[in-house]
Amino acid sequence: MPEDRVAAYLERLAAGDLDGVLSLFADDAVIESPLYGRMTAADFYTGLFEDTERSEITPVDTFTSNTDPRRVAVRFRYDWTLADGSPTTFDCVDVIDFGRDWQIERLTIVYDTHPLRSVWAGSRR
């Protein structure tokens, strides 16, 4: 089950499908992002999609926790074109905590912001 939910998440994220992405999350879900900080899923994805012209996601691997089968990490390459047309690429790991109904309750994003921080900051001026 988590593999199907992860695949749906990555497909909807790449498509910029706000309603589709949010349908995978619990109403009170929290996102932890090194670039955007801690926010609700609705606020995070609304902001991300506003900052995005285009994105392409290449899945690399999916891992399930040894201690909690409802915690999954997915590693992927994110080719992100910002709203101003600036391109950037980075490897990312999303750690996903699912609830009992397989809705995402918490998503923690892990990546090195150094290569992309100046591009992102410049696009927001």
N, C-alpha and C. Protein backbone atom coordinates (compact mmCIF):
# COMPACT_ATOMS: atom_id res chain seq x y z
N MET A 1 0.81 -1.22 0.00
CA MET A 1 0.00 0.00 0.00
C MET A 1 0.84 1.27 0.00
N PRO A 2 1.88 1.39 0.85
CA PRO A 2 2.62 2.65 0.83
C PRO A 2 3.28 2.93 -0.51
N GLU A 3 3.70 1.90 -1.23
CA GLU A 3 4.35 2.12 -2.53
C GLU A 3 3.39 2.78 -3.51
N ASP A 4 2.11 2.37 -3.49
CA ASP A 4 1.11 2.99 -4.36
C ASP A 4 0.88 4.45 -3.99
N ARG A 5 0.83 4.72 -2.70
CA ARG A 5 0.61 6.10 -2.24
C ARG A 5 1.81 6.99 -2.58
N VAL A 6 3.02 6.44 -2.43
CA VAL A 6 4.23 7.19 -2.77
C VAL A 6 4.25 7.49 -4.27
N ALA A 7 3.93 6.50 -5.09
CA ALA A 7 3.91 6.71 -6.55
C ALA A 7 2.88 7.78 -6.92
N ALA A 8 1.70 7.73 -6.31
CA ALA A 8 0.67 8.74 -6.59
C ALA A 8 1.16 10.12 -6.15
N TYR A 9 1.81 10.19 -5.01
CA TYR A 9 2.33 11.47 -4.52
C TYR A 9 3.34 12.06 -5.51
N LEU A 10 4.31 11.26 -5.94
CA LEU A 10 5.34 11.77 -6.86
C LEU A 10 4.74 12.19 -8.20
N GLU A 11 3.78 11.43 -8.71
CA GLU A 11 3.14 11.78 -9.99
C GLU A 11 2.39 13.11 -9.87
N ARG A 12 1.63 13.27 -8.80
CA ARG A 12 0.84 14.49 -8.62
C ARG A 12 1.73 15.69 -8.31
N LEU A 13 2.81 15.45 -7.58
CA LEU A 13 3.77 16.51 -7.30
C LEU A 13 4.40 17.01 -8.59
N ALA A 14 4.85 16.10 -9.44
CA ALA A 14 5.48 16.47 -10.71
C ALA A 14 4.49 17.21 -11.62
N ALA A 15 3.22 16.82 -11.57
CA ALA A 15 2.20 17.45 -12.42
C ALA A 15 1.74 18.80 -11.89
N GLY A 16 2.13 19.14 -10.66
CA GLY A 16 1.65 20.40 -10.07
C GLY A 16 0.17 20.34 -9.74
N ASP A 17 -0.34 19.15 -9.43
CA ASP A 17 -1.75 18.91 -9.16
C ASP A 17 -2.03 19.16 -7.68
N LEU A 18 -2.36 20.41 -7.34
CA LEU A 18 -2.56 20.78 -5.94
C LEU A 18 -3.65 19.96 -5.28
N ASP A 19 -4.82 19.89 -5.89
CA ASP A 19 -5.92 19.13 -5.28
C ASP A 19 -5.56 17.65 -5.15
N GLY A 20 -4.91 17.11 -6.18
CA GLY A 20 -4.51 15.70 -6.14
C GLY A 20 -3.50 15.41 -5.05
N VAL A 21 -2.51 16.29 -4.90
CA VAL A 21 -1.52 16.11 -3.83
C VAL A 21 -2.20 16.21 -2.47
N LEU A 22 -3.00 17.25 -2.27
CA LEU A 22 -3.62 17.46 -0.96
C LEU A 22 -4.60 16.34 -0.60
N SER A 23 -5.16 15.66 -1.59
CA SER A 23 -6.08 14.55 -1.29
C SER A 23 -5.35 13.38 -0.63
N LEU A 24 -4.03 13.34 -0.72
CA LEU A 24 -3.24 12.28 -0.11
C LEU A 24 -2.89 12.57 1.35
N PHE A 25 -3.17 13.79 1.81
CA PHE A 25 -2.77 14.25 3.13
C PHE A 25 -3.96 14.33 4.09
N ALA A 26 -3.68 14.07 5.35
CA ALA A 26 -4.67 14.32 6.41
C ALA A 26 -4.89 15.84 6.50
N ASP A 27 -6.04 16.23 6.99
CA ASP A 27 -6.37 17.66 7.07
C ASP A 27 -5.37 18.46 7.89
N ASP A 28 -4.81 17.85 8.93
CA ASP A 28 -3.88 18.57 9.81
C ASP A 28 -2.42 18.18 9.55
N ALA A 29 -2.13 17.68 8.37
CA ALA A 29 -0.77 17.24 8.04
C ALA A 29 0.22 18.40 8.07
N VAL A 30 1.45 18.07 8.45
CA VAL A 30 2.52 19.06 8.58
C VAL A 30 3.66 18.68 7.64
N ILE A 31 4.23 19.70 7.00
CA ILE A 31 5.40 19.54 6.15
C ILE A 31 6.57 20.24 6.81
N GLU A 32 7.72 19.58 6.83
CA GLU A 32 8.97 20.18 7.31
C GLU A 32 9.90 20.26 6.10
N SER A 33 10.23 21.47 5.69
CA SER A 33 11.06 21.69 4.51
C SER A 33 12.27 22.53 4.86
N PRO A 34 13.46 22.17 4.37
CA PRO A 34 14.64 22.98 4.67
C PRO A 34 14.58 24.37 4.03
N LEU A 35 13.80 24.53 2.98
CA LEU A 35 13.71 25.80 2.28
C LEU A 35 12.53 26.65 2.76
N TYR A 36 11.39 26.02 2.97
CA TYR A 36 10.17 26.74 3.33
C TYR A 36 9.87 26.73 4.82
N GLY A 37 10.47 25.82 5.57
CA GLY A 37 10.19 25.71 7.00
C GLY A 37 9.05 24.76 7.29
N ARG A 38 8.46 24.92 8.47
CA ARG A 38 7.36 24.05 8.91
C ARG A 38 6.04 24.73 8.57
N MET A 39 5.16 24.01 7.89
CA MET A 39 3.87 24.57 7.49
C MET A 39 2.84 23.47 7.29
N THR A 40 1.60 23.87 7.16
CA THR A 40 0.56 22.91 6.82
C THR A 40 0.80 22.44 5.38
N ALA A 41 0.27 21.28 5.06
CA ALA A 41 0.40 20.77 3.69
C ALA A 41 -0.21 21.74 2.68
N ALA A 42 -1.39 22.26 3.00
CA ALA A 42 -2.05 23.19 2.07
C ALA A 42 -1.20 24.42 1.81
N ASP A 43 -0.63 25.01 2.85
CA ASP A 43 0.21 26.20 2.67
C ASP A 43 1.49 25.86 1.92
N PHE A 44 2.11 24.75 2.26
CA PHE A 44 3.37 24.37 1.62
C PHE A 44 3.17 24.15 0.12
N TYR A 45 2.22 23.30 -0.25
CA TYR A 45 2.07 22.97 -1.68
C TYR A 45 1.52 24.13 -2.48
N THR A 46 0.69 24.97 -1.88
CA THR A 46 0.25 26.17 -2.58
C THR A 46 1.46 27.05 -2.91
N GLY A 47 2.32 27.28 -1.93
CA GLY A 47 3.53 28.08 -2.16
C GLY A 47 4.49 27.44 -3.14
N LEU A 48 4.70 26.14 -2.99
CA LEU A 48 5.61 25.44 -3.90
C LEU A 48 5.13 25.55 -5.34
N PHE A 49 3.85 25.30 -5.58
CA PHE A 49 3.34 25.34 -6.94
C PHE A 49 3.32 26.76 -7.50
N GLU A 50 3.14 27.76 -6.66
CA GLU A 50 3.25 29.15 -7.11
C GLU A 50 4.69 29.47 -7.52
N ASP A 51 5.66 28.86 -6.86
CA ASP A 51 7.08 29.09 -7.15
C ASP A 51 7.60 28.23 -8.29
N THR A 52 6.75 27.41 -8.89
CA THR A 52 7.18 26.42 -9.88
C THR A 52 6.59 26.70 -11.25
N GLU A 53 7.46 26.72 -12.25
CA GLU A 53 7.00 26.74 -13.64
C GLU A 53 6.82 25.31 -14.13
N ARG A 54 7.76 24.45 -13.75
CA ARG A 54 7.76 23.07 -14.23
C ARG A 54 8.61 22.23 -13.28
N SER A 55 8.25 20.96 -13.14
CA SER A 55 9.10 20.06 -12.37
C SER A 55 9.08 18.67 -13.00
N GLU A 56 10.19 18.00 -12.85
CA GLU A 56 10.31 16.62 -13.31
C GLU A 56 10.93 15.83 -12.16
N ILE A 57 10.34 14.70 -11.87
CA ILE A 57 10.79 13.88 -10.76
C ILE A 57 11.22 12.52 -11.29
N THR A 58 12.42 12.13 -10.90
CA THR A 58 12.94 10.81 -11.26
C THR A 58 13.12 10.01 -9.97
N PRO A 59 12.21 9.06 -9.70
CA PRO A 59 12.35 8.25 -8.50
C PRO A 59 13.63 7.41 -8.54
N VAL A 60 14.29 7.30 -7.40
CA VAL A 60 15.51 6.50 -7.29
C VAL A 60 15.26 5.26 -6.45
N ASP A 61 14.70 5.44 -5.25
CA ASP A 61 14.50 4.31 -4.35
C ASP A 61 13.48 4.65 -3.29
N THR A 62 12.86 3.62 -2.74
CA THR A 62 11.91 3.76 -1.65
C THR A 62 12.33 2.81 -0.53
N PHE A 63 12.28 3.32 0.71
CA PHE A 63 12.69 2.55 1.88
C PHE A 63 11.56 2.55 2.90
N THR A 64 11.36 1.42 3.55
CA THR A 64 10.38 1.32 4.63
C THR A 64 11.13 1.19 5.95
N SER A 65 10.66 1.89 6.95
CA SER A 65 11.28 1.87 8.27
C SER A 65 11.31 0.46 8.85
N ASN A 66 12.39 0.15 9.55
CA ASN A 66 12.49 -1.12 10.27
C ASN A 66 11.60 -1.15 11.50
N THR A 67 11.26 0.01 12.03
CA THR A 67 10.50 0.06 13.28
C THR A 67 9.04 0.46 13.10
N ASP A 68 8.70 1.05 11.95
CA ASP A 68 7.33 1.50 11.73
C ASP A 68 6.96 1.33 10.25
N PRO A 69 6.14 0.34 9.91
CA PRO A 69 5.80 0.10 8.51
C PRO A 69 5.00 1.23 7.86
N ARG A 70 4.57 2.20 8.66
CA ARG A 70 3.85 3.35 8.10
C ARG A 70 4.76 4.55 7.87
N ARG A 71 6.06 4.35 8.03
CA ARG A 71 7.05 5.39 7.73
C ARG A 71 7.87 4.92 6.54
N VAL A 72 7.87 5.75 5.51
CA VAL A 72 8.54 5.42 4.25
C VAL A 72 9.40 6.62 3.84
N ALA A 73 10.55 6.33 3.29
CA ALA A 73 11.39 7.39 2.72
C ALA A 73 11.53 7.13 1.23
N VAL A 74 11.38 8.17 0.45
CA VAL A 74 11.55 8.05 -1.00
C VAL A 74 12.64 9.02 -1.44
N ARG A 75 13.59 8.49 -2.16
CA ARG A 75 14.69 9.31 -2.70
C ARG A 75 14.40 9.54 -4.18
N PHE A 76 14.56 10.79 -4.60
CA PHE A 76 14.32 11.12 -6.01
C PHE A 76 15.16 12.30 -6.44
N ARG A 77 15.32 12.43 -7.75
CA ARG A 77 15.98 13.59 -8.34
C ARG A 77 14.87 14.56 -8.72
N TYR A 78 15.07 15.82 -8.33
CA TYR A 78 14.06 16.84 -8.59
C TYR A 78 14.65 17.88 -9.54
N ASP A 79 14.17 17.87 -10.77
CA ASP A 79 14.53 18.88 -11.75
C ASP A 79 13.43 19.94 -11.69
N TRP A 80 13.79 21.07 -11.11
CA TRP A 80 12.81 22.10 -10.78
C TRP A 80 13.10 23.36 -11.58
N THR A 81 12.10 23.83 -12.31
CA THR A 81 12.19 25.12 -12.98
C THR A 81 11.30 26.08 -12.20
N LEU A 82 11.93 27.10 -11.64
CA LEU A 82 11.19 28.05 -10.82
C LEU A 82 10.29 28.92 -11.69
N ALA A 83 9.39 29.63 -11.06
CA ALA A 83 8.39 30.44 -11.77
C ALA A 83 9.03 31.47 -12.71
N ASP A 84 10.23 31.93 -12.38
CA ASP A 84 10.90 32.92 -13.25
C ASP A 84 11.71 32.26 -14.36
N GLY A 85 11.66 30.93 -14.45
CA GLY A 85 12.39 30.21 -15.50
C GLY A 85 13.76 29.70 -15.08
N SER A 86 14.19 29.99 -13.87
CA SER A 86 15.49 29.52 -13.38
C SER A 86 15.45 28.01 -13.11
N PRO A 87 16.38 27.26 -13.72
CA PRO A 87 16.39 25.82 -13.48
C PRO A 87 17.33 25.44 -12.32
N THR A 88 16.99 24.38 -11.61
CA THR A 88 17.87 23.82 -10.61
C THR A 88 17.55 22.33 -10.48
N THR A 89 18.53 21.57 -10.06
CA THR A 89 18.38 20.13 -9.91
C THR A 89 19.02 19.71 -8.60
N PHE A 90 18.36 18.82 -7.88
CA PHE A 90 18.95 18.31 -6.64
C PHE A 90 18.35 16.95 -6.31
N ASP A 91 19.08 16.19 -5.51
CA ASP A 91 18.58 14.93 -4.97
C ASP A 91 17.84 15.24 -3.68
N CYS A 92 16.75 14.53 -3.46
CA CYS A 92 15.87 14.82 -2.34
C CYS A 92 15.42 13.50 -1.71
N VAL A 93 15.17 13.54 -0.42
CA VAL A 93 14.55 12.43 0.29
C VAL A 93 13.35 12.99 1.04
N ASP A 94 12.19 12.40 0.79
CA ASP A 94 10.99 12.75 1.55
C ASP A 94 10.70 11.60 2.51
N VAL A 95 10.63 11.91 3.78
CA VAL A 95 10.27 10.92 4.79
C VAL A 95 8.79 11.12 5.09
N ILE A 96 8.01 10.09 4.82
CA ILE A 96 6.56 10.18 4.88
C ILE A 96 6.04 9.32 6.03
N ASP A 97 5.23 9.94 6.90
CA ASP A 97 4.55 9.23 7.97
C ASP A 97 3.08 9.13 7.63
N PHE A 98 2.61 7.89 7.44
CA PHE A 98 1.21 7.65 7.12
C PHE A 98 0.41 7.38 8.39
N GLY A 99 -0.85 7.79 8.36
CA GLY A 99 -1.78 7.45 9.43
C GLY A 99 -2.42 6.09 9.16
N ARG A 100 -3.36 5.73 10.03
CA ARG A 100 -4.02 4.43 9.89
C ARG A 100 -4.78 4.29 8.58
N ASP A 101 -5.29 5.37 8.05
CA ASP A 101 -6.06 5.32 6.80
C ASP A 101 -5.18 5.58 5.58
N TRP A 102 -3.87 5.55 5.77
CA TRP A 102 -2.87 5.76 4.71
C TRP A 102 -2.89 7.18 4.14
N GLN A 103 -3.43 8.12 4.90
CA GLN A 103 -3.28 9.53 4.57
C GLN A 103 -1.93 9.96 5.15
N ILE A 104 -1.26 10.87 4.47
CA ILE A 104 0.02 11.37 4.96
C ILE A 104 -0.25 12.34 6.10
N GLU A 105 0.37 12.06 7.25
CA GLU A 105 0.20 12.92 8.42
C GLU A 105 1.37 13.88 8.59
N ARG A 106 2.54 13.44 8.16
CA ARG A 106 3.74 14.27 8.29
C ARG A 106 4.69 13.92 7.15
N LEU A 107 5.29 14.94 6.57
CA LEU A 107 6.27 14.73 5.51
C LEU A 107 7.48 15.61 5.82
N THR A 108 8.63 14.98 5.95
CA THR A 108 9.87 15.69 6.25
C THR A 108 10.76 15.61 5.02
N ILE A 109 11.13 16.76 4.49
CA ILE A 109 11.92 16.83 3.27
C ILE A 109 13.39 17.04 3.66
N VAL A 110 14.27 16.26 3.05
CA VAL A 110 15.69 16.32 3.37
C VAL A 110 16.48 16.50 2.08
N TYR A 111 17.25 17.58 2.00
CA TYR A 111 18.18 17.79 0.90
C TYR A 111 19.14 18.91 1.26
N ASP A 112 20.22 18.98 0.50
CA ASP A 112 21.22 20.03 0.68
C ASP A 112 20.74 21.28 -0.05
N THR A 113 20.43 22.33 0.68
CA THR A 113 19.91 23.55 0.07
C THR A 113 20.98 24.43 -0.57
N HIS A 114 22.24 24.16 -0.26
CA HIS A 114 23.30 25.04 -0.74
C HIS A 114 23.26 25.26 -2.26
N PRO A 115 23.19 24.21 -3.09
CA PRO A 115 23.22 24.45 -4.54
C PRO A 115 22.01 25.21 -5.06
N LEU A 116 20.90 25.18 -4.36
CA LEU A 116 19.71 25.81 -4.91
C LEU A 116 19.28 27.08 -4.21
N ARG A 117 19.81 27.35 -3.04
CA ARG A 117 19.34 28.49 -2.25
C ARG A 117 19.50 29.82 -3.00
N SER A 118 20.62 30.05 -3.68
CA SER A 118 20.81 31.33 -4.37
C SER A 118 19.87 31.46 -5.57
N VAL A 119 19.59 30.36 -6.26
CA VAL A 119 18.67 30.39 -7.40
C VAL A 119 17.27 30.72 -6.90
N TRP A 120 16.85 30.03 -5.83
CA TRP A 120 15.51 30.23 -5.27
C TRP A 120 15.36 31.64 -4.73
N ALA A 121 16.35 32.11 -3.99
CA ALA A 121 16.29 33.46 -3.42
C ALA A 121 16.21 34.51 -4.53
N GLY A 122 16.98 34.34 -5.59
CA GLY A 122 16.97 35.28 -6.70
C GLY A 122 15.65 35.32 -7.45
N SER A 123 14.96 34.18 -7.47
CA SER A 123 13.69 34.12 -8.20
C SER A 123 12.56 34.79 -7.42
N ARG A 124 12.74 35.01 -6.14
CA ARG A 124 11.68 35.56 -5.28
C ARG A 124 11.78 37.07 -5.13
N ARG A 125 12.68 37.72 -5.86
CA ARG A 125 12.85 39.18 -5.73
C ARG A 125 11.81 39.91 -6.51
